[in-house]
Amino acid sequence: MERRNFLFALALLGTPLGACAAAPDAPPPSVALGRPRLLASAADWSSLDARRKADPDLDRFAALLLQRARRDLALPPLARNLEGRRLLGVSREFIRRTLEWSFAWRVTRDPAFLARARQEFRTVAAFADWNPSHFLDVAEMTAGMAIGYDWLFDDLPAAERAAVRAAILEKGIAQARHGHATFRWRNNWSQVCIGGMVLGAMSVYEDAPELARDLFAAAQRDVFSGLVSIGVQKGPPIGVQKGPPLLGCPCEA
């Protein structure tokens, strides 16, 4: 299953959050709702069993996620290995693993899933950086770390929560406190980078509210830049144009 379809299907769990629509001097409404707050609320998780019984497609998808999560327990931890100048393959694999194991832990409470997610968090948080010279790598790593941190927040030891939170802050959202050049690009990078940074800021809002509000303001300012990739291009193209399949990143952040 492609990563973008995986993320789209996970949105079936709950209602997408509208972080970028909030006033820049206040937290997004969903931040005040406690945890979990990203992609699915506590109510969404508690109603999942009933919705699986009522929706065969959702039930099949959840079963597939659990099957793959168990299969992937045997994978070795990720390493900070660049391909050329990119860490993107590692970032995307981290998102996939984090979502699988966090989902599986919340559904089954099998400690093997929690242990494996924690191991991956520790590994990635300890990377020297998330390759800011290729900012897409940072955005996607931040998105995966933010969702895992949020979904597993109550189950992580305090020291591990602190390490993950510090990584999100220092290696992720601090890199785009007042925005980033990629936010204004007229292609899918804008969508993905804004979405990843907003997820990161929402996940740690209580610990860095001023930083988060600055980032939300930058996201509001620039969020429409990438939308030209699904309409008429009004200027010289920057990079590869991609459209609807990638719109889910900021729209569900």
Protein backbone atom coordinates (compact mmCIF):
# COMPACT_ATOMS: atom_id res chain seq x y z
CA MET A 1 0.00 0.00 0.00
CA GLU A 2 1.39 3.43 -0.93
CA ARG A 3 2.13 5.77 1.95
CA ARG A 4 -0.32 8.41 0.74
CA ASN A 5 -3.15 5.85 0.58
CA PHE A 6 -2.15 4.61 4.02
CA LEU A 7 -2.47 8.14 5.45
CA PHE A 8 -5.75 8.73 3.61
CA ALA A 9 -7.24 5.53 4.96
CA LEU A 10 -6.17 6.37 8.50
CA ALA A 11 -8.33 9.48 8.22
CA LEU A 12 -11.30 7.09 8.35
CA LEU A 13 -10.55 6.74 12.05
CA GLY A 14 -11.66 10.26 12.82
CA THR A 15 -12.27 13.78 11.65
CA PRO A 16 -9.37 15.78 10.14
CA LEU A 17 -8.22 18.70 12.22
CA GLY A 18 -8.35 22.29 10.97
CA ALA A 19 -5.20 23.67 12.57
CA CYS A 20 -4.40 26.18 9.87
CA ALA A 21 -7.82 27.81 10.17
CA ALA A 22 -7.30 28.90 13.77
CA ALA A 23 -6.43 32.46 14.74
CA PRO A 24 -2.65 32.82 14.96
CA ASP A 25 -2.82 34.22 18.50
CA ALA A 26 -4.72 31.21 19.87
CA PRO A 27 -4.23 27.45 19.80
CA PRO A 28 -6.21 25.46 17.24
CA PRO A 29 -9.48 24.33 18.88
CA SER A 30 -8.42 20.68 18.76
CA VAL A 31 -5.28 21.33 20.80
CA ALA A 32 -7.44 21.99 23.84
CA LEU A 33 -9.18 18.62 23.57
CA GLY A 34 -6.48 16.57 25.30
CA ARG A 35 -4.90 13.47 23.84
CA PRO A 36 -4.93 11.90 21.39
CA ARG A 37 -5.46 14.98 19.24
CA LEU A 38 -3.95 14.18 15.85
CA LEU A 39 -6.04 12.53 13.12
CA ALA A 40 -8.33 10.81 15.66
CA SER A 41 -9.74 11.78 19.04
CA ALA A 42 -10.27 9.60 22.10
CA ALA A 43 -13.93 9.27 21.06
CA ASP A 44 -12.89 8.11 17.60
CA TRP A 45 -10.66 5.43 19.08
CA SER A 46 -13.28 4.26 21.57
CA SER A 47 -15.89 3.91 18.82
CA LEU A 48 -13.57 2.09 16.41
CA ASP A 49 -14.77 -1.41 17.33
CA ALA A 50 -18.38 -0.50 16.71
CA ARG A 51 -17.55 1.20 13.43
CA ARG A 52 -15.53 -1.80 12.28
CA LYS A 53 -18.55 -4.02 12.87
CA ALA A 54 -20.74 -1.65 10.88
CA ASP A 55 -18.27 -1.03 8.04
CA PRO A 56 -16.74 -4.08 6.32
CA ASP A 57 -14.26 -1.93 4.39
CA LEU A 58 -12.95 -0.31 7.56
CA ASP A 59 -12.77 -3.69 9.27
CA ARG A 60 -10.75 -5.20 6.42
CA PHE A 61 -8.40 -2.24 6.40
CA ALA A 62 -7.84 -2.39 10.17
CA ALA A 63 -7.18 -6.12 9.96
CA LEU A 64 -4.63 -5.52 7.19
CA LEU A 65 -2.87 -2.89 9.30
CA LEU A 66 -2.64 -5.29 12.23
CA GLN A 67 -1.29 -8.06 10.01
CA ARG A 68 1.40 -5.83 8.55
CA ALA A 69 2.28 -4.35 11.92
CA ARG A 70 2.97 -7.82 13.30
CA ARG A 71 4.96 -8.83 10.24
CA ASP A 72 7.13 -5.72 10.51
CA LEU A 73 8.12 -6.33 14.13
CA ALA A 74 11.08 -8.30 12.78
CA LEU A 75 12.52 -5.35 10.84
CA PRO A 76 15.84 -3.91 12.06
CA PRO A 77 15.77 -0.35 13.47
CA LEU A 78 16.18 2.46 10.99
CA ALA A 79 19.56 4.07 10.39
CA ARG A 80 20.44 7.56 9.22
CA ASN A 81 21.54 6.48 5.75
CA LEU A 82 21.21 9.09 3.03
CA GLU A 83 20.53 8.28 -0.62
CA GLY A 84 22.46 10.99 -2.37
CA ARG A 85 21.45 14.10 -0.45
CA ARG A 86 18.13 12.72 0.74
CA LEU A 87 16.97 11.00 3.92
CA LEU A 88 13.45 10.84 2.53
CA GLY A 89 13.26 7.06 2.25
CA VAL A 90 14.06 6.75 5.96
CA SER A 91 11.52 9.45 6.88
CA ARG A 92 8.77 7.72 4.94
CA GLU A 93 9.58 4.32 6.36
CA PHE A 94 9.52 5.86 9.83
CA ILE A 95 6.02 7.25 9.23
CA ARG A 96 4.82 3.87 8.01
CA ARG A 97 6.26 1.96 10.97
CA THR A 98 5.09 4.50 13.52
CA LEU A 99 1.52 4.55 12.27
CA GLU A 100 1.34 0.77 12.04
CA TRP A 101 2.73 0.03 15.49
CA SER A 102 0.96 2.89 17.25
CA PHE A 103 -2.33 1.86 15.68
CA ALA A 104 -1.75 -1.79 16.56
CA TRP A 105 -0.89 -0.96 20.19
CA ARG A 106 -4.01 1.15 20.66
CA VAL A 107 -6.22 -1.55 19.14
CA THR A 108 -4.70 -4.71 20.65
CA ARG A 109 -2.68 -3.54 23.69
CA ASP A 110 -0.07 -6.11 22.70
CA PRO A 111 3.15 -4.88 24.39
CA ALA A 112 5.26 -6.03 21.43
CA PHE A 113 3.87 -3.15 19.35
CA LEU A 114 4.51 -0.54 22.01
CA ALA A 115 8.05 -1.81 22.59
CA ARG A 116 8.85 -1.69 18.88
CA ALA A 117 7.44 1.81 18.43
CA ARG A 118 9.45 3.03 21.43
CA GLN A 119 12.62 1.51 19.99
CA GLU A 120 12.08 3.35 16.70
CA PHE A 121 11.35 6.63 18.51
CA ARG A 122 14.59 6.37 20.47
CA THR A 123 16.56 5.61 17.33
CA VAL A 124 15.20 8.47 15.23
CA ALA A 125 15.24 10.99 18.08
CA ALA A 126 18.95 10.28 18.45
CA PHE A 127 19.79 11.06 14.81
CA ALA A 128 22.15 14.03 14.55
CA ASP A 129 19.48 15.80 12.51
CA TRP A 130 16.68 15.01 10.08
CA ASN A 131 18.53 16.39 7.06
CA PRO A 132 17.33 20.01 6.93
CA SER A 133 19.19 20.64 3.66
CA HIS A 134 16.41 18.56 2.03
CA PHE A 135 13.49 19.88 4.03
CA LEU A 136 10.94 17.35 2.84
CA ASP A 137 12.85 14.80 4.94
CA VAL A 138 12.41 16.95 8.07
CA ALA A 139 8.71 17.50 7.44
CA GLU A 140 7.90 13.83 6.99
CA MET A 141 10.02 12.73 9.95
CA THR A 142 8.32 15.37 12.10
CA ALA A 143 4.88 14.16 11.01
CA GLY A 144 5.67 10.57 11.97
CA MET A 145 7.20 11.55 15.29
CA ALA A 146 4.30 13.88 16.13
CA ILE A 147 1.59 11.31 15.46
CA GLY A 148 3.40 8.58 17.39
CA TYR A 149 4.11 10.93 20.30
CA ASP A 150 0.46 11.90 20.44
CA TRP A 151 -1.05 8.45 20.06
CA LEU A 152 1.31 6.84 22.57
CA PHE A 153 1.73 9.80 24.92
CA ASP A 154 0.28 8.15 28.04
CA ASP A 155 2.23 4.94 27.45
CA LEU A 156 5.71 6.44 27.05
CA PRO A 157 8.00 6.77 30.09
CA ALA A 158 8.60 10.40 31.04
CA ALA A 159 12.22 10.34 29.89
CA GLU A 160 11.26 9.01 26.47
CA ARG A 161 8.47 11.55 26.10
CA ALA A 162 11.01 14.28 26.86
CA ALA A 163 13.46 12.93 24.26
CA VAL A 164 10.81 12.65 21.55
CA ARG A 165 9.43 16.10 22.38
CA ALA A 166 12.90 17.64 22.24
CA ALA A 167 13.51 16.04 18.86
CA ILE A 168 10.21 17.37 17.47
CA LEU A 169 11.05 20.84 18.74
CA GLU A 170 14.73 21.07 17.84
CA LYS A 171 15.06 18.88 14.75
CA GLY A 172 11.57 19.57 13.46
CA ILE A 173 9.44 22.63 14.01
CA ALA A 174 12.19 25.03 15.16
CA GLN A 175 13.54 24.73 11.61
CA ALA A 176 10.41 26.51 10.34
CA ARG A 177 9.29 28.71 13.22
CA HIS A 178 8.45 31.64 10.94
CA GLY A 179 7.92 29.51 7.88
CA HIS A 180 10.29 27.97 5.40
CA ALA A 181 11.09 28.53 1.74
CA THR A 182 9.30 25.28 0.87
CA PHE A 183 6.04 26.63 2.32
CA ARG A 184 5.82 29.00 -0.66
CA TRP A 185 6.75 26.54 -3.40
CA ARG A 186 4.10 25.96 -6.04
CA ASN A 187 4.19 22.18 -5.88
CA ASN A 188 3.55 19.32 -3.48
CA TRP A 189 6.49 20.26 -1.23
CA SER A 190 4.45 23.17 0.14
CA GLN A 191 1.58 20.87 1.06
CA VAL A 192 3.74 18.20 2.68
CA CYS A 193 6.11 20.56 4.52
CA ILE A 194 3.33 22.71 5.96
CA GLY A 195 1.35 19.62 6.97
CA GLY A 196 4.30 17.99 8.73
CA MET A 197 5.26 21.15 10.60
CA VAL A 198 1.69 21.82 11.73
CA LEU A 199 1.35 18.27 13.04
CA GLY A 200 4.59 18.72 14.96
CA ALA A 201 3.50 22.04 16.45
CA MET A 202 0.13 20.66 17.49
CA SER A 203 1.72 17.66 19.18
CA VAL A 204 3.90 19.75 21.51
CA TYR A 205 1.78 22.89 21.79
CA GLU A 206 1.70 22.95 25.60
CA ASP A 207 5.49 22.93 25.82
CA ALA A 208 6.21 25.60 23.19
CA PRO A 209 3.07 27.68 22.61
CA GLU A 210 4.84 30.74 21.24
CA LEU A 211 6.87 28.70 18.76
CA ALA A 212 3.72 26.83 17.72
CA ARG A 213 1.70 30.02 17.24
CA ASP A 214 4.47 31.51 15.09
CA LEU A 215 4.48 28.39 12.94
CA PHE A 216 0.67 28.35 12.66
CA ALA A 217 0.76 31.95 11.47
CA ALA A 218 3.34 31.09 8.81
CA ALA A 219 1.25 28.12 7.72
CA GLN A 220 -1.85 30.31 7.39
CA ARG A 221 0.12 32.83 5.37
CA ASP A 222 1.56 30.34 2.90
CA VAL A 223 -0.87 27.43 2.77
CA PHE A 224 -2.42 28.42 -0.56
CA SER A 225 0.92 28.56 -2.39
CA GLY A 226 1.02 24.86 -3.17
CA LEU A 227 -2.59 24.73 -4.30
CA VAL A 228 -1.69 26.04 -7.74
CA SER A 229 -0.49 22.51 -8.43
CA ILE A 230 -4.13 21.46 -8.88
CA GLY A 231 -5.09 24.51 -10.92
CA VAL A 232 -3.59 26.89 -13.41
CA GLN A 233 0.12 27.48 -12.98
CA LYS A 234 0.51 31.26 -12.78
CA GLY A 235 4.28 31.39 -12.77
CA PRO A 236 7.35 29.40 -13.74
CA PRO A 237 7.04 25.83 -12.44
CA ILE A 238 9.21 24.89 -9.48
CA GLY A 239 9.94 21.20 -9.41
CA VAL A 240 7.52 18.44 -10.27
CA GLN A 241 3.85 19.32 -10.20
CA LYS A 242 1.63 16.91 -8.30
CA GLY A 243 -1.95 17.39 -7.36
CA PRO A 244 -4.84 15.82 -5.45
CA PRO A 245 -3.18 12.67 -4.03
CA LEU A 246 -0.89 14.83 -1.88
CA LEU A 247 -3.45 17.38 -0.75
CA GLY A 248 -4.24 15.25 2.27
CA CYS A 249 -1.12 16.39 4.10
CA PRO A 250 -2.15 19.96 5.05
CA CYS A 251 -5.88 19.32 4.82
CA GLU A 252 -5.71 16.60 7.47
CA ALA A 253 -3.11 18.28 9.68
